[in-house]
Amino acid sequence: MSPLLLLAAAACGGLGAGVRYLVDVAVARAAGTRFPWGVMVVNLTGSFVLGIVVGALPDAAFVVGAGFLGGYTTFSTAMLDTVALWRDGERPASVAHAVGMLLGGILLAAAGLALTAAVR
């Protein structure tokens, strides 16, 4: 891997992290609930877009996927939110968040890949 490619991925990762914050805050404010909708939207849209990128632009998958989408999505925050919901006694919401994030992410990544295959 060239140093320029690594630098591009790192820069895109920083940009993705900034976009993640903005999306998370906007969705959380709009939802107005304790449930972490912002993080869920970020991770699910990131899964879908990664499926599209891998299917349509495999040469850009490192910079866009590992870079931008790696900074944009956040597994650790999703898991912390799941644990916090459980700890706070919101067990059904905790389970819905964990299962929704996992199944939704898998289905949306597959949908992104299927979309690019159908377009080709």
PDB file of N, CA and C in Angstrom:
ATOM      1  N   MET A   1       0.844  -1.165   0.000  1.00  0.00           N
ATOM      2  CA  MET A   1       0.000   0.000   0.000  1.00  0.00           C
ATOM      3  C   MET A   1       0.894   1.234   0.000  1.00  0.00           C
ATOM      4  N   SER A   2       0.519   2.184  -0.813  1.00  0.00           N
ATOM      5  CA  SER A   2       1.321   3.397  -0.903  1.00  0.00           C
ATOM      6  C   SER A   2       1.013   4.333   0.266  1.00  0.00           C
ATOM      7  N   PRO A   3       1.979   5.156   0.635  1.00  0.00           N
ATOM      8  CA  PRO A   3       1.734   6.132   1.710  1.00  0.00           C
ATOM      9  C   PRO A   3       0.596   7.097   1.359  1.00  0.00           C
ATOM     10  N   LEU A   4       0.460   7.427   0.082  1.00  0.00           N
ATOM     11  CA  LEU A   4      -0.601   8.336  -0.343  1.00  0.00           C
ATOM     12  C   LEU A   4      -1.985   7.703  -0.137  1.00  0.00           C
ATOM     13  N   LEU A   5      -2.096   6.429  -0.436  1.00  0.00           N
ATOM     14  CA  LEU A   5      -3.369   5.724  -0.240  1.00  0.00           C
ATOM     15  C   LEU A   5      -3.720   5.652   1.246  1.00  0.00           C
ATOM     16  N   LEU A   6      -2.733   5.392   2.074  1.00  0.00           N
ATOM     17  CA  LEU A   6      -2.956   5.358   3.514  1.00  0.00           C
ATOM     18  C   LEU A   6      -3.365   6.733   4.039  1.00  0.00           C
ATOM     19  N   LEU A   7      -2.728   7.766   3.558  1.00  0.00           N
ATOM     20  CA  LEU A   7      -3.074   9.128   3.956  1.00  0.00           C
ATOM     21  C   LEU A   7      -4.492   9.491   3.513  1.00  0.00           C
ATOM     22  N   ALA A   8      -4.876   9.074   2.322  1.00  0.00           N
ATOM     23  CA  ALA A   8      -6.235   9.337   1.829  1.00  0.00           C
ATOM     24  C   ALA A   8      -7.269   8.642   2.709  1.00  0.00           C
ATOM     25  N   ALA A   9      -7.005   7.391   3.076  1.00  0.00           N
ATOM     26  CA  ALA A   9      -7.934   6.659   3.937  1.00  0.00           C
ATOM     27  C   ALA A   9      -8.030   7.319   5.316  1.00  0.00           C
ATOM     28  N   ALA A  10      -6.902   7.755   5.848  1.00  0.00           N
ATOM     29  CA  ALA A  10      -6.905   8.412   7.165  1.00  0.00           C
ATOM     30  C   ALA A  10      -7.685   9.727   7.114  1.00  0.00           C
ATOM     31  N   ALA A  11      -7.482  10.501   6.070  1.00  0.00           N
ATOM     32  CA  ALA A  11      -8.219  11.765   5.926  1.00  0.00           C
ATOM     33  C   ALA A  11      -9.716  11.508   5.783  1.00  0.00           C
ATOM     34  N   CYS A  12     -10.059  10.509   5.005  1.00  0.00           N
ATOM     35  CA  CYS A  12     -11.477  10.157   4.840  1.00  0.00           C
ATOM     36  C   CYS A  12     -12.072   9.646   6.144  1.00  0.00           C
ATOM     37  N   GLY A  13     -11.276   8.936   6.942  1.00  0.00           N
ATOM     38  CA  GLY A  13     -11.741   8.470   8.245  1.00  0.00           C
ATOM     39  C   GLY A  13     -12.076   9.632   9.165  1.00  0.00           C
ATOM     40  N   GLY A  14     -11.249  10.656   9.153  1.00  0.00           N
ATOM     41  CA  GLY A  14     -11.536  11.851   9.952  1.00  0.00           C
ATOM     42  C   GLY A  14     -12.806  12.540   9.495  1.00  0.00           C
ATOM     43  N   LEU A  15     -12.984  12.628   8.204  1.00  0.00           N
ATOM     44  CA  LEU A  15     -14.198  13.223   7.652  1.00  0.00           C
ATOM     45  C   LEU A  15     -15.421  12.398   8.037  1.00  0.00           C
ATOM     46  N   GLY A  16     -15.307  11.076   7.928  1.00  0.00           N
ATOM     47  CA  GLY A  16     -16.412  10.197   8.298  1.00  0.00           C
ATOM     48  C   GLY A  16     -16.800  10.351   9.758  1.00  0.00           C
ATOM     49  N   ALA A  17     -15.817  10.502  10.639  1.00  0.00           N
ATOM     50  CA  ALA A  17     -16.105  10.672  12.069  1.00  0.00           C
ATOM     51  C   ALA A  17     -16.867  11.976  12.306  1.00  0.00           C
ATOM     52  N   GLY A  18     -16.498  13.021  11.592  1.00  0.00           N
ATOM     53  CA  GLY A  18     -17.218  14.292  11.720  1.00  0.00           C
ATOM     54  C   GLY A  18     -18.653  14.184  11.234  1.00  0.00           C
ATOM     55  N   VAL A  19     -18.841  13.512  10.109  1.00  0.00           N
ATOM     56  CA  VAL A  19     -20.193  13.318   9.574  1.00  0.00           C
ATOM     57  C   VAL A  19     -21.013  12.457  10.533  1.00  0.00           C
ATOM     58  N   ARG A  20     -20.396  11.427  11.098  1.00  0.00           N
ATOM     59  CA  ARG A  20     -21.091  10.577  12.075  1.00  0.00           C
ATOM     60  C   ARG A  20     -21.635  11.399  13.228  1.00  0.00           C
ATOM     61  N   TYR A  21     -20.818  12.271  13.763  1.00  0.00           N
ATOM     62  CA  TYR A  21     -21.248  13.108  14.886  1.00  0.00           C
ATOM     63  C   TYR A  21     -22.452  13.960  14.486  1.00  0.00           C
ATOM     64  N   LEU A  22     -22.378  14.594  13.334  1.00  0.00           N
ATOM     65  CA  LEU A  22     -23.474  15.461  12.889  1.00  0.00           C
ATOM     66  C   LEU A  22     -24.768  14.683  12.666  1.00  0.00           C
ATOM     67  N   VAL A  23     -24.660  13.520  12.033  1.00  0.00           N
ATOM     68  CA  VAL A  23     -25.848  12.695  11.791  1.00  0.00           C
ATOM     69  C   VAL A  23     -26.420  12.191  13.115  1.00  0.00           C
ATOM     70  N   ASP A  24     -25.560  11.704  13.987  1.00  0.00           N
ATOM     71  CA  ASP A  24     -26.008  11.185  15.283  1.00  0.00           C
ATOM     72  C   ASP A  24     -26.756  12.257  16.062  1.00  0.00           C
ATOM     73  N   VAL A  25     -26.194  13.436  16.163  1.00  0.00           N
ATOM     74  CA  VAL A  25     -26.820  14.521  16.917  1.00  0.00           C
ATOM     75  C   VAL A  25     -28.144  14.934  16.279  1.00  0.00           C
ATOM     76  N   ALA A  26     -28.173  15.068  14.959  1.00  0.00           N
ATOM     77  CA  ALA A  26     -29.402  15.494  14.272  1.00  0.00           C
ATOM     78  C   ALA A  26     -30.523  14.469  14.459  1.00  0.00           C
ATOM     79  N   VAL A  27     -30.201  13.195  14.293  1.00  0.00           N
ATOM     80  CA  VAL A  27     -31.219  12.145  14.438  1.00  0.00           C
ATOM     81  C   VAL A  27     -31.675  12.047  15.889  1.00  0.00           C
ATOM     82  N   ALA A  28     -30.742  12.115  16.827  1.00  0.00           N
ATOM     83  CA  ALA A  28     -31.093  12.026  18.244  1.00  0.00           C
ATOM     84  C   ALA A  28     -32.012  13.178  18.651  1.00  0.00           C
ATOM     85  N   ARG A  29     -31.715  14.368  18.174  1.00  0.00           N
ATOM     86  CA  ARG A  29     -32.573  15.521  18.489  1.00  0.00           C
ATOM     87  C   ARG A  29     -33.963  15.353  17.873  1.00  0.00           C
ATOM     88  N   ALA A  30     -34.003  14.894  16.642  1.00  0.00           N
ATOM     89  CA  ALA A  30     -35.292  14.709  15.974  1.00  0.00           C
ATOM     90  C   ALA A  30     -36.114  13.618  16.655  1.00  0.00           C
ATOM     91  N   ALA A  31     -35.458  12.545  17.089  1.00  0.00           N
ATOM     92  CA  ALA A  31     -36.169  11.436  17.726  1.00  0.00           C
ATOM     93  C   ALA A  31     -36.650  11.827  19.116  1.00  0.00           C
ATOM     94  N   GLY A  32     -35.823  12.542  19.854  1.00  0.00           N
ATOM     95  CA  GLY A  32     -36.203  13.007  21.171  1.00  0.00           C
ATOM     96  C   GLY A  32     -36.460  11.915  22.196  1.00  0.00           C
ATOM     97  N   THR A  33     -35.853  10.739  21.998  1.00  0.00           N
ATOM     98  CA  THR A  33     -36.038   9.639  22.945  1.00  0.00           C
ATOM     99  C   THR A  33     -34.692   9.174  23.472  1.00  0.00           C
ATOM    100  N   ARG A  34     -34.718   8.339  24.477  1.00  0.00           N
ATOM    101  CA  ARG A  34     -33.489   7.768  25.057  1.00  0.00           C
ATOM    102  C   ARG A  34     -32.861   6.743  24.128  1.00  0.00           C
ATOM    103  N   PHE A  35     -33.681   6.096  23.305  1.00  0.00           N
ATOM    104  CA  PHE A  35     -33.173   5.070  22.391  1.00  0.00           C
ATOM    105  C   PHE A  35     -32.144   5.699  21.450  1.00  0.00           C
ATOM    106  N   PRO A  36     -31.009   5.054  21.234  1.00  0.00           N
ATOM    107  CA  PRO A  36     -29.925   5.635  20.419  1.00  0.00           C
ATOM    108  C   PRO A  36     -30.181   5.544  18.904  1.00  0.00           C
ATOM    109  N   TRP A  37     -31.213   6.230  18.447  1.00  0.00           N
ATOM    110  CA  TRP A  37     -31.559   6.199  17.027  1.00  0.00           C
ATOM    111  C   TRP A  37     -30.434   6.733  16.140  1.00  0.00           C
ATOM    112  N   GLY A  38     -29.719   7.746  16.612  1.00  0.00           N
ATOM    113  CA  GLY A  38     -28.656   8.325  15.797  1.00  0.00           C
ATOM    114  C   GLY A  38     -27.573   7.328  15.446  1.00  0.00           C
ATOM    115  N   VAL A  39     -27.107   6.583  16.434  1.00  0.00           N
ATOM    116  CA  VAL A  39     -26.069   5.576  16.198  1.00  0.00           C
ATOM    117  C   VAL A  39     -26.609   4.459  15.313  1.00  0.00           C
ATOM    118  N   MET A  40     -27.871   4.097  15.510  1.00  0.00           N
ATOM    119  CA  MET A  40     -28.458   3.046  14.675  1.00  0.00           C
ATOM    120  C   MET A  40     -28.530   3.502  13.210  1.00  0.00           C
ATOM    121  N   VAL A  41     -28.972   4.728  12.986  1.00  0.00           N
ATOM    122  CA  VAL A  41     -29.041   5.252  11.615  1.00  0.00           C
ATOM    123  C   VAL A  41     -27.656   5.283  10.986  1.00  0.00           C
ATOM    124  N   VAL A  42     -26.675   5.743  11.730  1.00  0.00           N
ATOM    125  CA  VAL A  42     -25.298   5.802  11.230  1.00  0.00           C
ATOM    126  C   VAL A  42     -24.806   4.417  10.826  1.00  0.00           C
ATOM    127  N   ASN A  43     -24.952   3.442  11.707  1.00  0.00           N
ATOM    128  CA  ASN A  43     -24.423   2.112  11.417  1.00  0.00           C
ATOM    129  C   ASN A  43     -25.186   1.400  10.305  1.00  0.00           C
ATOM    130  N   LEU A  44     -26.486   1.589  10.251  1.00  0.00           N
ATOM    131  CA  LEU A  44     -27.259   0.926   9.195  1.00  0.00           C
ATOM    132  C   LEU A  44     -27.012   1.567   7.832  1.00  0.00           C
ATOM    133  N   THR A  45     -26.955   2.884   7.774  1.00  0.00           N
ATOM    134  CA  THR A  45     -26.650   3.523   6.483  1.00  0.00           C
ATOM    135  C   THR A  45     -25.223   3.205   6.055  1.00  0.00           C
ATOM    136  N   GLY A  46     -24.313   3.126   7.025  1.00  0.00           N
ATOM    137  CA  GLY A  46     -22.934   2.759   6.697  1.00  0.00           C
ATOM    138  C   GLY A  46     -22.839   1.361   6.127  1.00  0.00           C
ATOM    139  N   SER A  47     -23.616   0.430   6.661  1.00  0.00           N
ATOM    140  CA  SER A  47     -23.628  -0.943   6.139  1.00  0.00           C
ATOM    141  C   SER A  47     -24.137  -0.975   4.701  1.00  0.00           C
ATOM    142  N   PHE A  48     -25.201  -0.251   4.447  1.00  0.00           N
ATOM    143  CA  PHE A  48     -25.777  -0.203   3.107  1.00  0.00           C
ATOM    144  C   PHE A  48     -24.796   0.416   2.108  1.00  0.00           C
ATOM    145  N   VAL A  49     -24.221   1.540   2.474  1.00  0.00           N
ATOM    146  CA  VAL A  49     -23.279   2.214   1.570  1.00  0.00           C
ATOM    147  C   VAL A  49     -22.047   1.358   1.332  1.00  0.00           C
ATOM    148  N   LEU A  50     -21.557   0.667   2.359  1.00  0.00           N
ATOM    149  CA  LEU A  50     -20.394  -0.200   2.162  1.00  0.00           C
ATOM    150  C   LEU A  50     -20.719  -1.316   1.178  1.00  0.00           C
ATOM    151  N   GLY A  51     -21.924  -1.882   1.276  1.00  0.00           N
ATOM    152  CA  GLY A  51     -22.327  -2.893   0.299  1.00  0.00           C
ATOM    153  C   GLY A  51     -22.294  -2.339  -1.117  1.00  0.00           C
ATOM    154  N   ILE A  52     -22.766  -1.121  -1.295  1.00  0.00           N
ATOM    155  CA  ILE A  52     -22.744  -0.480  -2.618  1.00  0.00           C
ATOM    156  C   ILE A  52     -21.312  -0.243  -3.082  1.00  0.00           C
ATOM    157  N   VAL A  53     -20.481   0.300  -2.198  1.00  0.00           N
ATOM    158  CA  VAL A  53     -19.091   0.607  -2.562  1.00  0.00           C
ATOM    159  C   VAL A  53     -18.342  -0.659  -2.961  1.00  0.00           C
ATOM    160  N   VAL A  54     -18.470  -1.706  -2.179  1.00  0.00           N
ATOM    161  CA  VAL A  54     -17.763  -2.959  -2.491  1.00  0.00           C
ATOM    162  C   VAL A  54     -18.272  -3.543  -3.803  1.00  0.00           C
ATOM    163  N   GLY A  55     -19.585  -3.448  -4.039  1.00  0.00           N
ATOM    164  CA  GLY A  55     -20.143  -3.992  -5.268  1.00  0.00           C
ATOM    165  C   GLY A  55     -19.862  -3.154  -6.503  1.00  0.00           C
ATOM    166  N   ALA A  56     -19.861  -1.836  -6.353  1.00  0.00           N
ATOM    167  CA  ALA A  56     -19.740  -0.959  -7.522  1.00  0.00           C
ATOM    168  C   ALA A  56     -18.339  -0.399  -7.724  1.00  0.00           C
ATOM    169  N   LEU A  57     -17.633  -0.162  -6.649  1.00  0.00           N
ATOM    170  CA  LEU A  57     -16.325   0.493  -6.736  1.00  0.00           C
ATOM    171  C   LEU A  57     -15.280  -0.259  -5.915  1.00  0.00           C
ATOM    172  N   PRO A  58     -15.002  -1.514  -6.267  1.00  0.00           N
ATOM    173  CA  PRO A  58     -14.084  -2.296  -5.429  1.00  0.00           C
ATOM    174  C   PRO A  58     -12.698  -1.668  -5.278  1.00  0.00           C
ATOM    175  N   ASP A  59     -12.261  -0.917  -6.275  1.00  0.00           N
ATOM    176  CA  ASP A  59     -10.948  -0.275  -6.171  1.00  0.00           C
ATOM    177  C   ASP A  59     -10.936   0.856  -5.145  1.00  0.00           C
ATOM    178  N   ALA A  60     -12.118   1.389  -4.831  1.00  0.00           N
ATOM    179  CA  ALA A  60     -12.217   2.475  -3.853  1.00  0.00           C
ATOM    180  C   ALA A  60     -12.611   1.958  -2.477  1.00  0.00           C
ATOM    181  N   ALA A  61     -12.760   0.651  -2.344  1.00  0.00           N
ATOM    182  CA  ALA A  61     -13.265   0.088  -1.095  1.00  0.00           C
ATOM    183  C   ALA A  61     -12.364   0.392   0.094  1.00  0.00           C
ATOM    184  N   PHE A  62     -11.063   0.456  -0.092  1.00  0.00           N
ATOM    185  CA  PHE A  62     -10.191   0.735   1.051  1.00  0.00           C
ATOM    186  C   PHE A  62     -10.358   2.171   1.525  1.00  0.00           C
ATOM    187  N   VAL A  63     -10.255   3.115   0.621  1.00  0.00           N
ATOM    188  CA  VAL A  63     -10.341   4.527   1.015  1.00  0.00           C
ATOM    189  C   VAL A  63     -11.741   4.870   1.512  1.00  0.00           C
ATOM    190  N   VAL A  64     -12.753   4.460   0.771  1.00  0.00           N
ATOM    191  CA  VAL A  64     -14.126   4.789   1.160  1.00  0.00           C
ATOM    192  C   VAL A  64     -14.604   3.878   2.293  1.00  0.00           C
ATOM    193  N   GLY A  65     -14.327   2.578   2.185  1.00  0.00           N
ATOM    194  CA  GLY A  65     -14.809   1.624   3.183  1.00  0.00           C
ATOM    195  C   GLY A  65     -14.056   1.727   4.495  1.00  0.00           C
ATOM    196  N   ALA A  66     -12.771   1.438   4.471  1.00  0.00           N
ATOM    197  CA  ALA A  66     -11.983   1.492   5.709  1.00  0.00           C
ATOM    198  C   ALA A  66     -11.794   2.928   6.172  1.00  0.00           C
ATOM    199  N   GLY A  67     -11.685   3.836   5.224  1.00  0.00           N
ATOM    200  CA  GLY A  67     -11.476   5.243   5.568  1.00  0.00           C
ATOM    201  C   GLY A  67     -12.751   5.926   6.016  1.00  0.00           C
ATOM    202  N   PHE A  68     -13.517   6.437   5.059  1.00  0.00           N
ATOM    203  CA  PHE A  68     -14.709   7.220   5.401  1.00  0.00           C
ATOM    204  C   PHE A  68     -15.722   6.426   6.228  1.00  0.00           C
ATOM    205  N   LEU A  69     -16.103   5.255   5.745  1.00  0.00           N
ATOM    206  CA  LEU A  69     -17.129   4.483   6.457  1.00  0.00           C
ATOM    207  C   LEU A  69     -16.612   3.892   7.766  1.00  0.00           C
ATOM    208  N   GLY A  70     -15.309   3.626   7.838  1.00  0.00           N
ATOM    209  CA  GLY A  70     -14.722   3.189   9.101  1.00  0.00           C
ATOM    210  C   GLY A  70     -14.804   4.279  10.163  1.00  0.00           C
ATOM    211  N   GLY A  71     -14.641   5.530   9.738  1.00  0.00           N
ATOM    212  CA  GLY A  71     -14.795   6.653  10.668  1.00  0.00           C
ATOM    213  C   GLY A  71     -16.250   6.982  10.936  1.00  0.00           C
ATOM    214  N   TYR A  72     -17.093   6.770   9.937  1.00  0.00           N
ATOM    215  CA  TYR A  72     -18.516   7.099  10.043  1.00  0.00           C
ATOM    216  C   TYR A  72     -19.266   6.141  10.957  1.00  0.00           C
ATOM    217  N   THR A  73     -19.025   4.844  10.811  1.00  0.00           N
ATOM    218  CA  THR A  73     -19.745   3.863  11.622  1.00  0.00           C
ATOM    219  C   THR A  73     -19.046   3.666  12.959  1.00  0.00           C
ATOM    220  N   THR A  74     -19.775   3.108  13.919  1.00  0.00           N
ATOM    221  CA  THR A  74     -19.200   2.959  15.249  1.00  0.00           C
ATOM    222  C   THR A  74     -19.780   1.768  15.985  1.00  0.00           C
ATOM    223  N   PHE A  75     -19.101   0.662  15.908  1.00  0.00           N
ATOM    224  CA  PHE A  75     -19.523  -0.544  16.614  1.00  0.00           C
ATOM    225  C   PHE A  75     -19.423  -0.347  18.122  1.00  0.00           C
ATOM    226  N   SER A  76     -18.346   0.262  18.572  1.00  0.00           N
ATOM    227  CA  SER A  76     -18.127   0.398  20.013  1.00  0.00           C
ATOM    228  C   SER A  76     -19.201   1.254  20.666  1.00  0.00           C
ATOM    229  N   THR A  77     -19.585   2.345  20.046  1.00  0.00           N
ATOM    230  CA  THR A  77     -20.639   3.178  20.614  1.00  0.00           C
ATOM    231  C   THR A  77     -21.965   2.434  20.619  1.00  0.00           C
ATOM    232  N   ALA A  78     -22.240   1.680  19.573  1.00  0.00           N
ATOM    233  CA  ALA A  78     -23.483   0.904  19.516  1.00  0.00           C
ATOM    234  C   ALA A  78     -23.536  -0.106  20.660  1.00  0.00           C
ATOM    235  N   MET A  79     -22.424  -0.753  20.935  1.00  0.00           N
ATOM    236  CA  MET A  79     -22.412  -1.738  22.009  1.00  0.00           C
ATOM    237  C   MET A  79     -22.515  -1.067  23.377  1.00  0.00           C
ATOM    238  N   LEU A  80     -21.862   0.073  23.540  1.00  0.00           N
ATOM    239  CA  LEU A  80     -21.971   0.808  24.796  1.00  0.00           C
ATOM    240  C   LEU A  80     -23.413   1.271  25.019  1.00  0.00           C
ATOM    241  N   ASP A  81     -24.071   1.750  23.966  1.00  0.00           N
ATOM    242  CA  ASP A  81     -25.479   2.145  24.081  1.00  0.00           C
ATOM    243  C   ASP A  81     -26.353   0.958  24.464  1.00  0.00           C
ATOM    244  N   THR A  82     -26.069  -0.201  23.893  1.00  0.00           N
ATOM    245  CA  THR A  82     -26.828  -1.411  24.213  1.00  0.00           C
ATOM    246  C   THR A  82     -26.666  -1.772  25.691  1.00  0.00           C
ATOM    247  N   VAL A  83     -25.449  -1.736  26.184  1.00  0.00           N
ATOM    248  CA  VAL A  83     -25.176  -2.046  27.592  1.00  0.00           C
ATOM    249  C   VAL A  83     -25.820  -0.997  28.504  1.00  0.00           C
ATOM    250  N   ALA A  84     -25.750   0.273  28.119  1.00  0.00           N
ATOM    251  CA  ALA A  84     -26.344   1.332  28.941  1.00  0.00           C
ATOM    252  C   ALA A  84     -27.856   1.164  29.051  1.00  0.00           C
ATOM    253  N   LEU A  85     -28.501   0.815  27.941  1.00  0.00           N
ATOM    254  CA  LEU A  85     -29.938   0.567  27.991  1.00  0.00           C
ATOM    255  C   LEU A  85     -30.249  -0.585  28.949  1.00  0.00           C
ATOM    256  N   TRP A  86     -29.482  -1.659  28.852  1.00  0.00           N
ATOM    257  CA  TRP A  86     -29.687  -2.826  29.725  1.00  0.00           C
ATOM    258  C   TRP A  86     -29.482  -2.437  31.193  1.00  0.00           C
ATOM    259  N   ARG A  87     -28.389  -1.751  31.441  1.00  0.00           N
ATOM    260  CA  ARG A  87     -28.048  -1.334  32.814  1.00  0.00           C
ATOM    261  C   ARG A  87     -29.133  -0.441  33.421  1.00  0.00           C
ATOM    262  N   ASP A  88     -29.738   0.384  32.575  1.00  0.00           N
ATOM    263  CA  ASP A  88     -30.766   1.317  33.044  1.00  0.00           C
ATOM    264  C   ASP A  88     -32.154   0.682  33.114  1.00  0.00           C
ATOM    265  N   GLY A  89     -32.212  -0.632  32.940  1.00  0.00           N
ATOM    266  CA  GLY A  89     -33.474  -1.342  33.084  1.00  0.00           C
ATOM    267  C   GLY A  89     -34.345  -1.345  31.845  1.00  0.00           C
ATOM    268  N   GLU A  90     -33.829  -0.844  30.744  1.00  0.00           N
ATOM    269  CA  GLU A  90     -34.588  -0.810  29.491  1.00  0.00           C
ATOM    270  C   GLU A  90     -34.209  -2.030  28.657  1.00  0.00           C
ATOM    271  N   ARG A  91     -34.507  -3.183  29.208  1.00  0.00           N
ATOM    272  CA  ARG A  91     -34.080  -4.448  28.617  1.00  0.00           C
ATOM    273  C   ARG A  91     -34.664  -4.692  27.225  1.00  0.00           C
ATOM    274  N   PRO A  92     -35.970  -4.502  27.009  1.00  0.00           N
ATOM    275  CA  PRO A  92     -36.492  -4.714  25.645  1.00  0.00           C
ATOM    276  C   PRO A  92     -35.826  -3.779  24.618  1.00  0.00           C
ATOM    277  N   ALA A  93     -35.595  -2.535  25.015  1.00  0.00           N
ATOM    278  CA  ALA A  93     -34.929  -1.590  24.107  1.00  0.00           C
ATOM    279  C   ALA A  93     -33.486  -2.021  23.846  1.00  0.00           C
ATOM    280  N   SER A  94     -32.817  -2.532  24.869  1.00  0.00           N
ATOM    281  CA  SER A  94     -31.444  -3.001  24.718  1.00  0.00           C
ATOM    282  C   SER A  94     -31.364  -4.151  23.720  1.00  0.00           C
ATOM    283  N   VAL A  95     -32.253  -5.121  23.877  1.00  0.00           N
ATOM    284  CA  VAL A  95     -32.270  -6.273  22.968  1.00  0.00           C
ATOM    285  C   VAL A  95     -32.657  -5.825  21.554  1.00  0.00           C
ATOM    286  N   ALA A  96     -33.638  -4.945  21.446  1.00  0.00           N
ATOM    287  CA  ALA A  96     -34.058  -4.443  20.120  1.00  0.00           C
ATOM    288  C   ALA A  96     -32.900  -3.718  19.435  1.00  0.00           C
ATOM    289  N   HIS A  97     -32.150  -2.955  20.212  1.00  0.00           N
ATOM    290  CA  HIS A  97     -31.016  -2.221  19.641  1.00  0.00           C
ATOM    291  C   HIS A  97     -29.943  -3.186  19.138  1.00  0.00           C
ATOM    292  N   ALA A  98     -29.574  -4.157  19.964  1.00  0.00           N
ATOM    293  CA  ALA A  98     -28.526  -5.106  19.575  1.00  0.00           C
ATOM    294  C   ALA A  98     -28.943  -5.943  18.375  1.00  0.00           C
ATOM    295  N   VAL A  99     -30.134  -6.498  18.430  1.00  0.00           N
ATOM    296  CA  VAL A  99     -30.609  -7.352  17.339  1.00  0.00           C
ATOM    297  C   VAL A  99     -30.863  -6.522  16.079  1.00  0.00           C
ATOM    298  N   GLY A 100     -31.456  -5.356  16.262  1.00  0.00           N
ATOM    299  CA  GLY A 100     -31.720  -4.483  15.116  1.00  0.00           C
ATOM    300  C   GLY A 100     -30.445  -4.044  14.408  1.00  0.00           C
ATOM    301  N   MET A 101     -29.433  -3.732  15.200  1.00  0.00           N
ATOM    302  CA  MET A 101     -28.155  -3.305  14.624  1.00  0.00           C
ATOM    303  C   MET A 101     -27.506  -4.451  13.843  1.00  0.00           C
ATOM    304  N   LEU A 102     -27.495  -5.646  14.425  1.00  0.00           N
ATOM    305  CA  LEU A 102     -26.853  -6.785  13.773  1.00  0.00           C
ATOM    306  C   LEU A 102     -27.618  -7.224  12.525  1.00  0.00           C
ATOM    307  N   LEU A 103     -28.887  -7.539  12.695  1.00  0.00           N
ATOM    308  CA  LEU A 103     -29.668  -8.020  11.544  1.00  0.00           C
ATOM    309  C   LEU A 103     -29.855  -6.941  10.491  1.00  0.00           C
ATOM    310  N   GLY A 104     -30.136  -5.734  10.941  1.00  0.00           N
ATOM    311  CA  GLY A 104     -30.294  -4.629   9.993  1.00  0.00           C
ATOM    312  C   GLY A 104     -29.017  -4.374   9.208  1.00  0.00           C
ATOM    313  N   GLY A 105     -27.880  -4.407   9.886  1.00  0.00           N
ATOM    314  CA  GLY A 105     -26.599  -4.195   9.202  1.00  0.00           C
ATOM    315  C   GLY A 105     -26.310  -5.267   8.173  1.00  0.00           C
ATOM    316  N   ILE A 106     -26.577  -6.510   8.533  1.00  0.00           N
ATOM    317  CA  ILE A 106     -26.358  -7.619   7.591  1.00  0.00           C
ATOM    318  C   ILE A 106     -27.288  -7.485   6.379  1.00  0.00           C
ATOM    319  N   LEU A 107     -28.557  -7.234   6.646  1.00  0.00           N
ATOM    320  CA  LEU A 107     -29.528  -7.120   5.548  1.00  0.00           C
ATOM    321  C   LEU A 107     -29.231  -5.929   4.644  1.00  0.00           C
ATOM    322  N   LEU A 108     -28.844  -4.807   5.231  1.00  0.00           N
ATOM    323  CA  LEU A 108     -28.569  -3.626   4.409  1.00  0.00           C
ATOM    324  C   LEU A 108     -27.264  -3.750   3.633  1.00  0.00           C
ATOM    325  N   ALA A 109     -26.251  -4.396   4.199  1.00  0.00           N
ATOM    326  CA  ALA A 109     -25.020  -4.644   3.444  1.00  0.00           C
ATOM    327  C   ALA A 109     -25.323  -5.558   2.260  1.00  0.00           C
ATOM    328  N   ALA A 110     -26.133  -6.591   2.494  1.00  0.00           N
ATOM    329  CA  ALA A 110     -26.528  -7.487   1.401  1.00  0.00           C
ATOM    330  C   ALA A 110     -27.363  -6.749   0.365  1.00  0.00           C
ATOM    331  N   ALA A 111     -28.234  -5.855   0.821  1.00  0.00           N
ATOM    332  CA  ALA A 111     -29.054  -5.069  -0.111  1.00  0.00           C
ATOM    333  C   ALA A 111     -28.186  -4.160  -0.974  1.00  0.00           C
ATOM    334  N   GLY A 112     -27.158  -3.568  -0.383  1.00  0.00           N
ATOM    335  CA  GLY A 112     -26.237  -2.735  -1.161  1.00  0.00           C
ATOM    336  C   GLY A 112     -25.513  -3.530  -2.226  1.00  0.00           C
ATOM    337  N   LEU A 113     -25.042  -4.713  -1.853  1.00  0.00           N
ATOM    338  CA  LEU A 113     -24.383  -5.595  -2.827  1.00  0.00           C
ATOM    339  C   LEU A 113     -25.370  -6.036  -3.931  1.00  0.00           C
ATOM    340  N   ALA A 114     -26.590  -6.387  -3.525  1.00  0.00           N
ATOM    341  CA  ALA A 114     -27.604  -6.831  -4.496  1.00  0.00           C
ATOM    342  C   ALA A 114     -27.979  -5.701  -5.446  1.00  0.00           C
ATOM    343  N   LEU A 115     -28.068  -4.499  -4.913  1.00  0.00           N
ATOM    344  CA  LEU A 115     -28.392  -3.338  -5.753  1.00  0.00           C
ATOM    345  C   LEU A 115     -27.358  -3.143  -6.848  1.00  0.00           C
ATOM    346  N   THR A 116     -26.093  -3.214  -6.478  1.00  0.00           N
ATOM    347  CA  THR A 116     -25.047  -3.024  -7.499  1.00  0.00           C
ATOM    348  C   THR A 116     -25.036  -4.177  -8.503  1.00  0.00           C
ATOM    349  N   ALA A 117     -25.324  -5.389  -8.045  1.00  0.00           N
ATOM    350  CA  ALA A 117     -25.382  -6.532  -8.970  1.00  0.00           C
ATOM    351  C   ALA A 117     -26.549  -6.372  -9.931  1.00  0.00           C
ATOM    352  N   ALA A 118     -27.673  -5.842  -9.463  1.00  0.00           N
ATOM    353  CA  ALA A 118     -28.846  -5.670 -10.319  1.00  0.00           C
ATOM    354  C   ALA A 118     -28.640  -4.566 -11.346  1.00  0.00           C
ATOM    355  N   VAL A 119     -27.864  -3.559 -11.001  1.00  0.00           N
ATOM    356  CA  VAL A 119     -27.622  -2.432 -11.895  1.00  0.00           C
ATOM    357  C   VAL A 119     -26.640  -2.810 -13.005  1.00  0.00           C
ATOM    358  N   ARG A 120     -25.752  -3.719 -12.704  1.00  0.00           N
ATOM    359  CA  ARG A 120     -24.717  -4.092 -13.678  1.00  0.00           C
ATOM    360  C   ARG A 120     -25.270  -4.884 -14.790  1.00  0.00           C
TER     361      ARG A 120
END
